[in-house]
Amino acid sequence: MARFRGPRVPKRKFCKLCLEKVRYIDYKDERKLQRFLTDHGKIVPRRVSGCCTRHQAQITQALKPARVIALLPYTNDPLR
């Protein structure tokens, strides 16, 4: 017999970068930046990644030069 536990309370997300005490996100660190890209090459939004506003802005600013110098793809679609 299942019990009713009331409304579901979502689990609070914490910024992984704040927990690791990362101060600066380097555009040359492609492994760390790859976590914040989808398989289509789009930047993962803050509500999905769980990052704070400050780190999400740093991620965006680091991804752009990494794409320009071809460390990370603009898109993973070979036809585009």
N, C-alpha and C. Protein backbone atom coordinates (compact mmCIF):
# COMPACT_ATOMS: atom_id res chain seq x y z
N MET A 1 0.83 -1.17 0.00
CA MET A 1 0.00 0.00 0.00
C MET A 1 0.88 1.24 0.00
N ALA A 2 0.67 2.11 -0.98
CA ALA A 2 1.48 3.31 -1.12
C ALA A 2 0.96 4.41 -0.20
N ARG A 3 1.89 5.16 0.32
CA ARG A 3 1.52 6.27 1.20
C ARG A 3 1.62 7.58 0.43
N PHE A 4 0.74 8.49 0.75
CA PHE A 4 0.81 9.82 0.16
C PHE A 4 1.75 10.67 1.01
N ARG A 5 2.76 11.21 0.38
CA ARG A 5 3.76 11.98 1.12
C ARG A 5 3.63 13.49 0.93
N GLY A 6 2.64 13.93 0.23
CA GLY A 6 2.45 15.35 0.03
C GLY A 6 3.09 15.84 -1.26
N PRO A 7 3.11 17.13 -1.49
CA PRO A 7 3.68 17.66 -2.74
C PRO A 7 5.19 17.41 -2.80
N ARG A 8 5.63 17.18 -3.99
CA ARG A 8 7.05 16.89 -4.20
C ARG A 8 7.86 18.18 -4.14
N VAL A 9 8.88 18.20 -3.32
CA VAL A 9 9.75 19.35 -3.19
C VAL A 9 11.02 19.07 -3.98
N PRO A 10 11.34 19.90 -4.98
CA PRO A 10 12.52 19.63 -5.79
C PRO A 10 13.81 19.79 -4.98
N LYS A 11 14.79 19.00 -5.33
CA LYS A 11 16.08 19.05 -4.66
C LYS A 11 16.83 20.32 -5.09
N ARG A 12 17.40 21.00 -4.15
CA ARG A 12 18.10 22.25 -4.43
C ARG A 12 19.40 21.96 -5.16
N LYS A 13 19.63 22.70 -6.28
CA LYS A 13 20.86 22.54 -7.03
C LYS A 13 21.90 23.51 -6.49
N PHE A 14 23.12 23.06 -6.40
CA PHE A 14 24.22 23.90 -5.97
C PHE A 14 25.19 24.06 -7.13
N CYS A 15 25.81 25.20 -7.20
CA CYS A 15 26.79 25.47 -8.26
C CYS A 15 28.01 24.59 -8.01
N LYS A 16 28.32 23.72 -8.96
CA LYS A 16 29.47 22.83 -8.82
C LYS A 16 30.77 23.61 -8.80
N LEU A 17 30.80 24.71 -9.53
CA LEU A 17 32.02 25.51 -9.60
C LEU A 17 32.24 26.27 -8.30
N CYS A 18 31.18 26.68 -7.63
CA CYS A 18 31.32 27.33 -6.33
C CYS A 18 31.81 26.33 -5.28
N LEU A 19 31.29 25.10 -5.36
CA LEU A 19 31.72 24.07 -4.42
C LEU A 19 33.20 23.71 -4.61
N GLU A 20 33.68 23.76 -5.86
CA GLU A 20 35.09 23.50 -6.16
C GLU A 20 35.96 24.73 -5.93
N LYS A 21 35.33 25.85 -5.58
CA LYS A 21 35.99 27.14 -5.35
C LYS A 21 36.79 27.61 -6.56
N VAL A 22 36.16 27.52 -7.73
CA VAL A 22 36.75 27.99 -8.98
C VAL A 22 36.54 29.49 -9.06
N ARG A 23 37.61 30.23 -9.23
CA ARG A 23 37.49 31.69 -9.34
C ARG A 23 37.43 32.16 -10.79
N TYR A 24 38.18 31.47 -11.65
CA TYR A 24 38.27 31.88 -13.05
C TYR A 24 38.17 30.65 -13.93
N ILE A 25 37.36 30.73 -14.97
CA ILE A 25 37.21 29.63 -15.91
C ILE A 25 38.04 29.96 -17.15
N ASP A 26 39.03 29.13 -17.41
CA ASP A 26 39.94 29.37 -18.51
C ASP A 26 39.36 28.80 -19.80
N TYR A 27 39.47 29.54 -20.90
CA TYR A 27 38.92 29.07 -22.17
C TYR A 27 39.72 27.91 -22.74
N LYS A 28 40.94 27.69 -22.25
CA LYS A 28 41.78 26.60 -22.76
C LYS A 28 41.48 25.26 -22.09
N ASP A 29 40.68 25.29 -21.02
CA ASP A 29 40.33 24.06 -20.31
C ASP A 29 39.09 23.46 -20.96
N GLU A 30 39.31 22.73 -22.04
CA GLU A 30 38.18 22.25 -22.84
C GLU A 30 37.40 21.13 -22.16
N ARG A 31 38.02 20.36 -21.29
CA ARG A 31 37.29 19.30 -20.58
C ARG A 31 36.23 19.89 -19.66
N LYS A 32 36.58 20.94 -18.96
CA LYS A 32 35.62 21.57 -18.05
C LYS A 32 34.51 22.26 -18.84
N LEU A 33 34.87 22.87 -19.96
CA LEU A 33 33.87 23.58 -20.76
C LEU A 33 32.96 22.62 -21.51
N GLN A 34 33.44 21.44 -21.84
CA GLN A 34 32.65 20.46 -22.57
C GLN A 34 31.41 20.03 -21.78
N ARG A 35 31.51 20.08 -20.44
CA ARG A 35 30.36 19.71 -19.60
C ARG A 35 29.19 20.66 -19.79
N PHE A 36 29.46 21.87 -20.25
CA PHE A 36 28.42 22.89 -20.37
C PHE A 36 27.94 23.08 -21.81
N LEU A 37 28.21 22.09 -22.67
CA LEU A 37 27.71 22.10 -24.03
C LEU A 37 26.81 20.89 -24.25
N THR A 38 25.76 21.07 -25.06
CA THR A 38 24.93 19.94 -25.43
C THR A 38 25.61 19.17 -26.55
N ASP A 39 25.00 18.05 -26.95
CA ASP A 39 25.60 17.29 -28.05
C ASP A 39 25.45 18.01 -29.38
N HIS A 40 24.60 19.04 -29.45
CA HIS A 40 24.48 19.83 -30.66
C HIS A 40 25.39 21.06 -30.64
N GLY A 41 26.12 21.26 -29.56
CA GLY A 41 27.05 22.38 -29.48
C GLY A 41 26.47 23.63 -28.85
N LYS A 42 25.27 23.54 -28.29
CA LYS A 42 24.66 24.70 -27.65
C LYS A 42 25.10 24.80 -26.20
N ILE A 43 25.09 26.02 -25.67
CA ILE A 43 25.44 26.25 -24.27
C ILE A 43 24.26 25.82 -23.40
N VAL A 44 24.55 25.04 -22.37
CA VAL A 44 23.51 24.54 -21.47
C VAL A 44 23.03 25.71 -20.61
N PRO A 45 21.71 25.91 -20.49
CA PRO A 45 21.20 27.02 -19.69
C PRO A 45 21.46 26.83 -18.20
N ARG A 46 21.38 27.92 -17.49
CA ARG A 46 21.68 27.94 -16.06
C ARG A 46 20.74 27.07 -15.25
N ARG A 47 19.50 27.03 -15.63
CA ARG A 47 18.52 26.24 -14.86
C ARG A 47 18.80 24.75 -15.01
N VAL A 48 19.46 24.33 -16.08
CA VAL A 48 19.78 22.92 -16.29
C VAL A 48 21.14 22.59 -15.67
N SER A 49 22.12 23.45 -15.89
CA SER A 49 23.47 23.16 -15.39
C SER A 49 23.57 23.34 -13.89
N GLY A 50 22.74 24.21 -13.32
CA GLY A 50 22.77 24.42 -11.88
C GLY A 50 23.84 25.40 -11.43
N CYS A 51 24.46 26.10 -12.36
CA CYS A 51 25.51 27.07 -12.01
C CYS A 51 24.88 28.38 -11.54
N CYS A 52 25.66 29.12 -10.77
CA CYS A 52 25.21 30.44 -10.33
C CYS A 52 25.36 31.42 -11.50
N THR A 53 24.82 32.59 -11.33
CA THR A 53 24.83 33.59 -12.40
C THR A 53 26.24 33.99 -12.77
N ARG A 54 27.09 34.18 -11.78
CA ARG A 54 28.46 34.62 -12.03
C ARG A 54 29.23 33.58 -12.84
N HIS A 55 29.13 32.32 -12.46
CA HIS A 55 29.86 31.29 -13.18
C HIS A 55 29.26 31.01 -14.56
N GLN A 56 27.95 31.15 -14.70
CA GLN A 56 27.34 30.95 -16.02
C GLN A 56 27.83 32.03 -16.98
N ALA A 57 27.98 33.25 -16.51
CA ALA A 57 28.51 34.32 -17.36
C ALA A 57 29.97 34.04 -17.74
N GLN A 58 30.75 33.53 -16.80
CA GLN A 58 32.14 33.18 -17.09
C GLN A 58 32.22 32.03 -18.08
N ILE A 59 31.32 31.06 -17.95
CA ILE A 59 31.30 29.94 -18.89
C ILE A 59 31.02 30.44 -20.30
N THR A 60 30.03 31.31 -20.42
CA THR A 60 29.68 31.86 -21.73
C THR A 60 30.84 32.64 -22.33
N GLN A 61 31.50 33.45 -21.51
CA GLN A 61 32.63 34.23 -21.99
C GLN A 61 33.83 33.36 -22.33
N ALA A 62 33.97 32.20 -21.71
CA ALA A 62 35.09 31.30 -22.02
C ALA A 62 34.79 30.43 -23.24
N LEU A 63 33.52 30.10 -23.46
CA LEU A 63 33.17 29.26 -24.59
C LEU A 63 33.35 29.97 -25.92
N LYS A 64 33.09 31.25 -25.95
CA LYS A 64 33.16 31.97 -27.21
C LYS A 64 34.57 32.00 -27.81
N PRO A 65 35.62 32.37 -27.07
CA PRO A 65 36.96 32.29 -27.68
C PRO A 65 37.41 30.85 -27.93
N ALA A 66 36.95 29.90 -27.12
CA ALA A 66 37.31 28.51 -27.35
C ALA A 66 36.73 28.02 -28.67
N ARG A 67 35.57 28.51 -29.04
CA ARG A 67 35.00 28.16 -30.34
C ARG A 67 35.75 28.83 -31.48
N VAL A 68 36.16 30.07 -31.27
CA VAL A 68 36.85 30.81 -32.33
C VAL A 68 38.18 30.14 -32.69
N ILE A 69 38.92 29.67 -31.70
CA ILE A 69 40.20 29.03 -32.00
C ILE A 69 40.07 27.52 -32.15
N ALA A 70 38.82 27.05 -32.32
CA ALA A 70 38.48 25.66 -32.67
C ALA A 70 38.85 24.64 -31.61
N LEU A 71 38.83 25.04 -30.33
CA LEU A 71 38.95 24.04 -29.27
C LEU A 71 37.63 23.32 -29.07
N LEU A 72 36.53 24.06 -29.26
CA LEU A 72 35.18 23.50 -29.12
C LEU A 72 34.39 23.82 -30.39
N PRO A 73 33.44 22.95 -30.75
CA PRO A 73 32.69 23.19 -31.99
C PRO A 73 31.55 24.20 -31.79
N TYR A 74 31.22 24.88 -32.88
CA TYR A 74 30.01 25.70 -32.88
C TYR A 74 28.80 24.78 -32.92
N THR A 75 28.92 23.71 -33.70
CA THR A 75 27.85 22.72 -33.83
C THR A 75 28.49 21.38 -34.12
N ASN A 76 27.83 20.30 -33.75
CA ASN A 76 28.34 18.98 -34.05
C ASN A 76 27.72 18.40 -35.30
N ASP A 77 26.89 19.17 -35.98
CA ASP A 77 26.27 18.72 -37.21
C ASP A 77 27.26 18.88 -38.36
N PRO A 78 27.67 17.80 -39.04
CA PRO A 78 28.67 17.92 -40.10
C PRO A 78 28.16 18.63 -41.35
N LEU A 79 26.83 18.76 -41.51
CA LEU A 79 26.29 19.41 -42.70
C LEU A 79 26.23 20.91 -42.58
N ARG A 80 26.43 21.44 -41.39
CA ARG A 80 26.33 22.90 -41.21
C ARG A 80 27.66 23.56 -41.27
